[in-house]
Amino acid sequence: MKDKFLGYLREDGRVGIRNHVLVLPASICASDTTKLIQRKVDGTITFSHQLGCSQVGSDSDMTLRTVVGYGAHPNVYGVVIVGLGCENHQASLIKKEILKIVKKPVETVVIQDVGGTVNAVEKGSKIAQKMVEDANKLKREEFPVSKLIVATECGGSDTTSGLASNPTIGKMSDILVEKGASVVLSETTEFIGAEHILARRAKNKEVHDKIYKIVGDFEEHIRKNTGHDVREGNPSVGNQEGGLTTLEEKSLGCIHKAGSTTINNVYGYAEHMATGEGLVIMDTPGNDPSSVAGMVAGGAQIVVFSTGRGTPTGHPIAPVVKVTANRKTWQMMQINLDFDASGVIYGEKTMNEQGEELYNRLIEYADGKETRAEEFGFTETSIARAANFV
């Protein structure tokens, strides 16, 4: 197994596995304009941003933290921030917050200030083109695996997820931790019924108590704000059709992604994460795009995503490696999937062998191999909410 990968060193010491130029919408009102710029300039990425205005308090803070995390991400060489001009999250504010984290090329275009969409696209395209040319001058260098932060996720789960694909990811996680990397377990709603198992693995009492707290807070938040129990929507219809009967059963499968090592920290949504920290948790929703968004904003360079039923989900900034242990799903949806973990179910491989194989595949993607979602250009992203619009 390789102990190193090829990446791009950034000024803050973090290492990117991609070298994107991000055309970043400051708010929903700038999203379509960023898409026009992205289509004109090869080598740029963007995404549909549905927020950025009419938000207050912790809800506004969460959105800003996520968007800033995208801009500051090590997979991003430079950023062109496009704002409308009257939104809460001003382009100038986002730029200032990004530069507090890392020094990199960051420029702004404000639609109202330059005279509308056509002028904004022209100006933004020129800036983005120059950034792409500069980014292309960088070459990949070799770095230790300890520089990686690997996010783990599951979506469209079925019985094979808990039986094989999540345990395979768990074996991969143990290998990464042994080599000094950080691995992130997410989806707080899918710890419910298994939180005591995770808490037993906590590094200390503080981490132990945080695990119980985030689970309790999530259940109470949903109950208080909707009048319903989280179990009414989880497991989902697809989960149930895949053989999962209760949220607790789903949780017991979910936590296998965490492998067997000590849990060293619990991060809030989209909080900046440290490298070399071993296994950690991020407090995220169970919703796949929202959960992935938080971990990527926190600095995860790559996502390993298990799915029993199959999903095309990607991300604009970080490659998403799709794993299934359902052989029928692999045969039906191989065009969207990256790794077949069904061998252990049929006795063709041991769990250790399959975990090592997934680890090796992960390093290939870190070195630059494109995932299926990257080949399609899938960029789904959704930021978690703390409140409704004002």
Protein backbone atom coordinates (compact mmCIF):
# COMPACT_ATOMS: atom_id res chain seq x y z
CA MET A 1 0.00 0.00 0.00
CA LYS A 2 1.23 3.46 -0.91
CA ASP A 3 2.07 5.88 1.88
CA LYS A 4 2.05 8.96 -0.35
CA PHE A 5 -0.14 10.74 -2.89
CA LEU A 6 0.31 13.49 -5.47
CA GLY A 7 -1.12 16.91 -4.70
CA TYR A 8 -0.72 20.69 -4.68
CA LEU A 9 0.81 22.47 -1.68
CA ARG A 10 -1.07 25.57 -0.50
CA GLU A 11 0.26 28.51 1.50
CA ASP A 12 -1.35 27.37 4.76
CA GLY A 13 0.40 23.99 4.54
CA ARG A 14 -2.66 22.04 3.45
CA VAL A 15 -2.53 19.98 0.26
CA GLY A 16 -5.10 19.92 -2.53
CA ILE A 17 -5.82 16.89 -4.68
CA ARG A 18 -7.51 19.05 -7.31
CA ASN A 19 -6.49 22.48 -8.62
CA HIS A 20 -9.81 24.17 -9.30
CA VAL A 21 -10.64 27.78 -10.02
CA LEU A 22 -13.95 28.34 -8.22
CA VAL A 23 -16.48 30.85 -9.53
CA LEU A 24 -18.26 31.35 -6.21
CA PRO A 25 -21.80 32.80 -6.03
CA ALA A 26 -22.20 35.02 -2.97
CA SER A 27 -25.93 34.37 -2.98
CA ILE A 28 -28.77 32.80 -4.94
CA CYS A 29 -29.09 36.00 -6.98
CA ALA A 30 -25.61 35.50 -8.46
CA SER A 31 -25.83 31.76 -9.14
CA ASP A 32 -26.99 31.93 -12.75
CA THR A 33 -24.30 34.49 -13.55
CA THR A 34 -21.57 32.22 -12.17
CA LYS A 35 -22.87 29.43 -14.39
CA LEU A 36 -22.46 31.67 -17.46
CA ILE A 37 -18.86 32.40 -16.46
CA GLN A 38 -18.14 28.73 -15.80
CA ARG A 39 -19.43 27.74 -19.23
CA LYS A 40 -17.16 30.31 -20.92
CA VAL A 41 -13.95 29.36 -19.10
CA ASP A 42 -12.64 25.79 -19.21
CA GLY A 43 -11.05 24.72 -15.95
CA THR A 44 -13.50 26.53 -13.69
CA ILE A 45 -16.17 25.12 -11.40
CA THR A 46 -19.28 26.58 -9.78
CA PHE A 47 -22.47 25.43 -8.06
CA SER A 48 -26.09 26.50 -7.50
CA HIS A 49 -26.22 28.50 -4.28
CA GLN A 50 -29.73 28.79 -2.83
CA LEU A 51 -28.91 30.98 0.17
CA GLY A 52 -26.75 34.01 1.08
CA CYS A 53 -29.51 36.51 1.81
CA SER A 54 -32.53 36.97 4.11
CA GLN A 55 -30.78 35.00 6.85
CA VAL A 56 -29.87 35.98 10.42
CA GLY A 57 -28.00 34.61 13.42
CA SER A 58 -26.66 31.08 13.43
CA ASP A 59 -28.42 30.32 10.15
CA SER A 60 -26.53 33.10 8.37
CA ASP A 61 -23.29 32.12 10.12
CA MET A 62 -23.61 28.50 9.00
CA THR A 63 -24.11 29.47 5.37
CA LEU A 64 -21.24 31.96 5.42
CA ARG A 65 -18.91 29.45 7.11
CA THR A 66 -19.71 26.85 4.44
CA VAL A 67 -19.21 29.19 1.48
CA VAL A 68 -15.98 30.55 2.96
CA GLY A 69 -14.82 26.98 3.55
CA TYR A 70 -15.39 26.24 -0.13
CA GLY A 71 -13.32 29.24 -1.16
CA ALA A 72 -10.51 28.46 1.30
CA HIS A 73 -10.49 24.75 0.39
CA PRO A 74 -7.11 23.23 -0.53
CA ASN A 75 -8.61 21.76 -3.73
CA VAL A 76 -9.20 25.35 -4.90
CA TYR A 77 -6.33 27.36 -6.42
CA GLY A 78 -8.22 30.63 -6.75
CA VAL A 79 -11.69 32.15 -6.37
CA VAL A 80 -13.80 34.59 -8.37
CA ILE A 81 -16.62 35.68 -6.05
CA VAL A 82 -19.70 36.97 -7.85
CA GLY A 83 -22.25 38.94 -5.84
CA LEU A 84 -25.41 40.78 -6.77
CA GLY A 85 -24.56 43.71 -4.51
CA CYS A 86 -27.46 43.95 -2.07
CA GLU A 87 -27.31 40.52 -0.39
CA ASN A 88 -26.38 39.92 3.25
CA HIS A 89 -23.31 37.93 2.33
CA GLN A 90 -21.43 40.58 0.39
CA ALA A 91 -18.70 39.43 -1.98
CA SER A 92 -16.22 41.63 -0.09
CA LEU A 93 -17.13 39.93 3.20
CA ILE A 94 -16.62 36.46 1.76
CA LYS A 95 -13.26 37.51 0.32
CA LYS A 96 -12.11 38.90 3.66
CA GLU A 97 -13.09 35.70 5.49
CA ILE A 98 -11.36 33.44 2.95
CA LEU A 99 -8.13 35.44 3.22
CA LYS A 100 -8.20 35.09 7.01
CA ILE A 101 -7.73 31.34 6.49
CA VAL A 102 -5.33 31.18 3.54
CA LYS A 103 -3.62 33.58 1.14
CA LYS A 104 -4.65 32.70 -2.41
CA PRO A 105 -5.92 34.53 -5.51
CA VAL A 106 -9.40 35.90 -4.64
CA GLU A 107 -11.21 38.50 -6.76
CA THR A 108 -14.75 39.89 -6.68
CA VAL A 109 -17.33 40.91 -9.29
CA VAL A 110 -20.53 42.70 -8.22
CA ILE A 111 -23.33 42.58 -10.77
CA GLN A 112 -25.00 45.83 -9.70
CA ASP A 113 -21.69 47.70 -9.68
CA VAL A 114 -20.56 46.68 -13.17
CA GLY A 115 -23.87 47.31 -14.92
CA GLY A 116 -25.58 43.94 -15.11
CA THR A 117 -25.10 40.36 -16.18
CA VAL A 118 -23.31 40.87 -19.51
CA ASN A 119 -20.63 43.07 -17.98
CA ALA A 120 -20.29 40.80 -14.95
CA VAL A 121 -19.78 37.76 -17.17
CA GLU A 122 -17.20 39.59 -19.28
CA LYS A 123 -15.24 40.81 -16.27
CA GLY A 124 -15.54 37.54 -14.35
CA SER A 125 -14.46 35.49 -17.36
CA LYS A 126 -11.29 37.53 -17.86
CA ILE A 127 -10.34 37.14 -14.20
CA ALA A 128 -11.14 33.42 -14.20
CA GLN A 129 -9.19 32.78 -17.41
CA LYS A 130 -6.07 34.36 -15.93
CA MET A 131 -6.45 32.28 -12.76
CA VAL A 132 -6.81 29.06 -14.77
CA GLU A 133 -3.64 29.88 -16.71
CA ASP A 134 -1.76 30.48 -13.45
CA ALA A 135 -3.20 27.34 -11.84
CA ASN A 136 -2.07 25.23 -14.81
CA LYS A 137 1.54 26.19 -14.13
CA LEU A 138 1.50 24.22 -10.86
CA LYS A 139 2.69 20.61 -10.84
CA ARG A 140 1.70 17.81 -8.52
CA GLU A 141 4.19 16.88 -5.81
CA GLU A 142 4.42 13.89 -3.49
CA PHE A 143 3.01 14.16 0.04
CA PRO A 144 2.40 11.75 2.94
CA VAL A 145 -1.10 10.33 3.39
CA SER A 146 -1.20 12.16 6.75
CA LYS A 147 -2.03 15.33 4.75
CA LEU A 148 -5.42 13.88 3.75
CA ILE A 149 -8.78 14.53 5.39
CA VAL A 150 -11.19 11.87 4.11
CA ALA A 151 -14.94 12.33 4.51
CA THR A 152 -17.24 9.31 4.76
CA GLU A 153 -20.92 9.30 3.83
CA CYS A 154 -23.74 6.88 3.03
CA GLY A 155 -26.88 7.47 1.02
CA GLY A 156 -29.55 5.32 -0.57
CA SER A 157 -28.62 2.69 2.01
CA ASP A 158 -29.94 -0.87 2.03
CA THR A 159 -29.07 -4.01 3.98
CA THR A 160 -25.82 -4.50 2.05
CA SER A 161 -24.58 -1.11 3.27
CA GLY A 162 -24.31 -2.24 6.87
CA LEU A 163 -23.22 -5.75 5.93
CA ALA A 164 -20.37 -4.95 3.57
CA SER A 165 -19.84 -1.52 2.02
CA ASN A 166 -19.74 0.45 5.29
CA PRO A 167 -17.48 -2.12 7.01
CA THR A 168 -15.21 -1.98 3.94
CA ILE A 169 -15.02 1.79 4.35
CA GLY A 170 -14.33 1.17 8.04
CA LYS A 171 -11.32 -0.99 7.19
CA MET A 172 -10.09 1.72 4.82
CA SER A 173 -10.61 4.27 7.63
CA ASP A 174 -8.47 2.24 10.01
CA ILE A 175 -5.66 2.11 7.43
CA LEU A 176 -5.85 5.88 6.90
CA VAL A 177 -5.77 6.56 10.65
CA GLU A 178 -2.78 4.24 11.04
CA LYS A 179 -0.99 6.28 8.37
CA GLY A 180 -1.72 9.56 10.17
CA ALA A 181 -4.67 10.86 8.12
CA SER A 182 -7.93 12.35 9.41
CA VAL A 183 -11.19 10.49 8.72
CA VAL A 184 -14.61 12.08 9.24
CA LEU A 185 -17.79 10.28 10.29
CA SER A 186 -20.96 12.29 9.65
CA GLU A 187 -24.80 12.13 9.64
CA THR A 188 -25.78 12.77 13.25
CA THR A 189 -29.36 11.61 12.71
CA GLU A 190 -27.94 8.23 11.77
CA PHE A 191 -26.12 7.83 15.05
CA ILE A 192 -29.49 7.61 16.84
CA GLY A 193 -29.72 4.25 18.59
CA ALA A 194 -25.99 3.68 18.20
CA GLU A 195 -24.63 6.79 19.95
CA HIS A 196 -23.66 4.75 23.03
CA ILE A 197 -21.40 2.57 20.87
CA LEU A 198 -19.64 5.61 19.44
CA ALA A 199 -19.38 7.29 22.85
CA ARG A 200 -17.54 4.27 24.27
CA ARG A 201 -14.80 4.94 21.71
CA ALA A 202 -14.35 8.59 22.66
CA LYS A 203 -10.88 9.88 23.44
CA ASN A 204 -12.03 11.53 26.66
CA LYS A 205 -15.13 12.61 28.58
CA GLU A 206 -15.45 15.84 26.61
CA VAL A 207 -15.72 13.97 23.30
CA HIS A 208 -17.97 11.34 24.93
CA ASP A 209 -20.40 14.01 26.12
CA LYS A 210 -20.35 15.87 22.79
CA ILE A 211 -21.45 12.73 20.96
CA TYR A 212 -24.51 12.38 23.19
CA LYS A 213 -25.20 16.11 22.98
CA ILE A 214 -25.24 16.44 19.19
CA VAL A 215 -27.60 13.46 18.90
CA GLY A 216 -29.94 14.77 21.60
CA ASP A 217 -29.88 18.28 20.17
CA PHE A 218 -30.71 17.06 16.67
CA GLU A 219 -33.70 15.00 17.83
CA GLU A 220 -34.99 17.90 19.94
CA HIS A 221 -34.48 20.45 17.14
CA ILE A 222 -36.60 18.42 14.72
CA ARG A 223 -39.28 17.76 17.34
CA LYS A 224 -39.45 21.40 18.44
CA ASN A 225 -39.45 22.97 14.98
CA THR A 226 -41.65 20.51 13.09
CA GLY A 227 -43.71 18.76 15.74
CA HIS A 228 -42.61 15.44 14.29
CA ASP A 229 -40.16 12.67 15.15
CA VAL A 230 -37.08 12.17 12.97
CA ARG A 231 -38.10 8.52 12.54
CA GLU A 232 -41.07 9.60 10.43
CA GLY A 233 -38.71 10.39 7.56
CA ASN A 234 -35.79 8.13 8.34
CA PRO A 235 -35.37 5.39 7.13
CA SER A 236 -36.52 6.80 3.81
CA VAL A 237 -38.83 5.00 1.41
CA GLY A 238 -35.84 3.75 -0.55
CA ASN A 239 -34.13 2.52 2.63
CA GLN A 240 -37.23 0.54 3.54
CA GLU A 241 -37.52 -0.96 0.07
CA GLY A 242 -33.87 -1.99 0.49
CA GLY A 243 -34.72 -3.94 3.63
CA LEU A 244 -34.01 -1.49 6.47
CA THR A 245 -36.79 -1.42 9.04
CA THR A 246 -35.84 1.15 11.71
CA LEU A 247 -33.58 4.17 12.15
CA GLU A 248 -31.68 2.30 14.85
CA GLU A 249 -30.95 -0.53 12.41
CA LYS A 250 -29.78 1.99 9.83
CA SER A 251 -27.56 3.68 12.44
CA LEU A 252 -25.88 0.41 13.36
CA GLY A 253 -24.91 0.05 9.70
CA CYS A 254 -23.88 3.69 9.30
CA ILE A 255 -21.33 3.74 12.11
CA HIS A 256 -19.34 0.87 10.56
CA LYS A 257 -17.74 3.52 8.32
CA ALA A 258 -15.85 4.69 11.40
CA GLY A 259 -13.81 1.50 11.63
CA SER A 260 -12.44 0.63 15.06
CA THR A 261 -10.16 3.47 16.19
CA THR A 262 -10.57 6.14 18.88
CA ILE A 263 -12.85 9.12 18.18
CA ASN A 264 -10.68 12.16 18.85
CA ASN A 265 -12.90 15.18 18.23
CA VAL A 266 -16.42 16.36 17.40
CA TYR A 267 -16.73 19.30 14.98
CA GLY A 268 -19.68 21.57 14.32
CA TYR A 269 -21.09 21.83 10.82
CA ALA A 270 -18.52 23.16 8.31
CA GLU A 271 -15.96 23.90 11.02
CA HIS A 272 -12.33 23.99 9.90
CA MET A 273 -10.81 20.54 10.63
CA ALA A 274 -7.23 19.62 11.44
CA THR A 275 -5.04 17.20 9.51
CA GLY A 276 -3.37 14.30 11.30
CA GLU A 277 -6.14 13.97 13.86
CA GLY A 278 -7.28 10.41 13.23
CA LEU A 279 -10.99 9.60 13.45
CA VAL A 280 -13.33 12.55 14.10
CA ILE A 281 -17.05 13.30 13.86
CA MET A 282 -18.79 16.23 12.19
CA ASP A 283 -22.30 17.17 13.28
CA THR A 284 -24.23 17.07 9.99
CA PRO A 285 -27.75 16.20 8.82
CA GLY A 286 -28.50 12.79 7.33
CA ASN A 287 -29.30 14.46 3.99
CA ASP A 288 -26.46 13.46 1.68
CA PRO A 289 -25.61 16.69 -0.19
CA SER A 290 -25.92 18.78 3.02
CA SER A 291 -23.73 16.39 4.98
CA VAL A 292 -21.07 16.23 2.27
CA ALA A 293 -21.13 20.04 1.98
CA GLY A 294 -20.28 20.45 5.67
CA MET A 295 -17.33 18.07 5.55
CA VAL A 296 -15.92 19.54 2.34
CA ALA A 297 -16.29 23.07 3.74
CA GLY A 298 -14.38 21.84 6.78
CA GLY A 299 -11.45 20.83 4.55
CA ALA A 300 -12.03 17.21 3.47
CA GLN A 301 -10.30 16.79 0.11
CA ILE A 302 -12.14 13.59 -0.89
CA VAL A 303 -15.39 11.82 0.02
CA VAL A 304 -16.00 8.06 0.18
CA PHE A 305 -19.73 7.46 -0.19
CA SER A 306 -21.48 4.10 0.23
CA THR A 307 -24.82 3.43 -1.45
CA GLY A 308 -26.89 0.28 -1.56
CA ARG A 309 -29.59 1.57 -3.88
CA GLY A 310 -27.24 3.70 -6.02
CA THR A 311 -26.85 7.46 -6.45
CA PRO A 312 -25.14 9.79 -8.94
CA THR A 313 -24.32 12.44 -6.28
CA GLY A 314 -21.10 14.41 -6.71
CA HIS A 315 -19.64 17.67 -5.42
CA PRO A 316 -18.13 20.71 -7.16
CA ILE A 317 -14.91 20.82 -5.12
CA ALA A 318 -14.11 17.32 -3.81
CA PRO A 319 -14.23 14.02 -5.71
CA VAL A 320 -16.91 11.64 -4.41
CA VAL A 321 -15.98 7.94 -4.57
CA LYS A 322 -19.15 5.84 -4.79
CA VAL A 323 -19.07 2.38 -3.16
CA THR A 324 -21.79 -0.30 -3.28
CA ALA A 325 -21.98 -3.83 -1.94
CA ASN A 326 -25.23 -4.58 -3.76
CA ARG A 327 -24.17 -6.57 -6.83
CA LYS A 328 -27.47 -5.87 -8.60
CA THR A 329 -26.97 -2.13 -8.05
CA TRP A 330 -23.40 -2.40 -9.35
CA GLN A 331 -24.62 -4.13 -12.49
CA MET A 332 -27.49 -1.69 -13.02
CA MET A 333 -25.73 1.58 -12.11
CA GLN A 334 -22.04 0.93 -12.73
CA ILE A 335 -21.91 4.08 -14.86
CA ASN A 336 -22.42 6.09 -11.64
CA LEU A 337 -20.36 3.96 -9.24
CA ASP A 338 -16.64 3.59 -8.56
CA PHE A 339 -16.09 0.52 -6.38
CA ASP A 340 -17.79 -2.88 -6.11
CA ALA A 341 -17.72 -4.05 -2.48
CA SER A 342 -19.98 -7.07 -3.01
CA GLY A 343 -17.12 -9.56 -3.14
CA VAL A 344 -17.03 -10.00 0.62
CA ILE A 345 -20.73 -11.00 0.66
CA TYR A 346 -20.12 -13.76 -1.90
CA GLY A 347 -16.98 -15.04 -0.20
CA GLU A 348 -14.70 -13.86 -2.98
CA LYS A 349 -12.64 -11.55 -0.74
CA THR A 350 -12.00 -11.01 2.95
CA MET A 351 -12.99 -7.74 4.57
CA ASN A 352 -9.32 -6.87 5.11
CA GLU A 353 -8.51 -7.50 1.44
CA GLN A 354 -11.42 -5.37 0.31
CA GLY A 355 -10.54 -2.55 2.71
CA GLU A 356 -6.98 -2.46 1.39
CA GLU A 357 -8.28 -2.47 -2.17
CA LEU A 358 -10.55 0.50 -1.44
CA TYR A 359 -7.67 2.34 0.23
CA ASN A 360 -5.51 1.82 -2.88
CA ARG A 361 -8.35 3.06 -5.09
CA LEU A 362 -8.72 6.13 -2.88
CA ILE A 363 -5.05 7.00 -3.45
CA GLU A 364 -5.58 6.70 -7.21
CA TYR A 365 -8.39 9.25 -7.02
CA ALA A 366 -6.28 11.48 -4.78
CA ASP A 367 -3.52 11.31 -7.41
CA GLY A 368 -5.90 12.71 -10.02
CA LYS A 369 -8.00 9.86 -11.43
CA GLU A 370 -11.54 11.15 -12.00
CA THR A 371 -14.52 9.61 -10.24
CA ARG A 372 -17.69 8.83 -12.19
CA ALA A 373 -19.39 11.92 -10.72
CA GLU A 374 -16.47 14.08 -11.89
CA GLU A 375 -16.68 12.61 -15.39
CA PHE A 376 -20.35 13.60 -15.52
CA GLY A 377 -19.67 17.01 -14.02
CA PHE A 378 -22.11 16.49 -11.15
CA THR A 379 -21.95 19.34 -8.64
CA GLU A 380 -24.92 18.89 -6.29
CA THR A 381 -24.53 20.82 -3.08
CA SER A 382 -26.95 21.85 -0.35
CA ILE A 383 -26.11 23.78 2.80
CA ALA A 384 -27.74 22.81 6.10
CA ARG A 385 -30.16 25.33 7.61
CA ALA A 386 -30.64 26.49 11.18
CA ALA A 387 -33.82 28.50 10.49
CA ASN A 388 -36.32 29.62 7.87
CA PHE A 389 -35.86 32.79 5.79
CA VAL A 390 -36.61 36.10 7.53
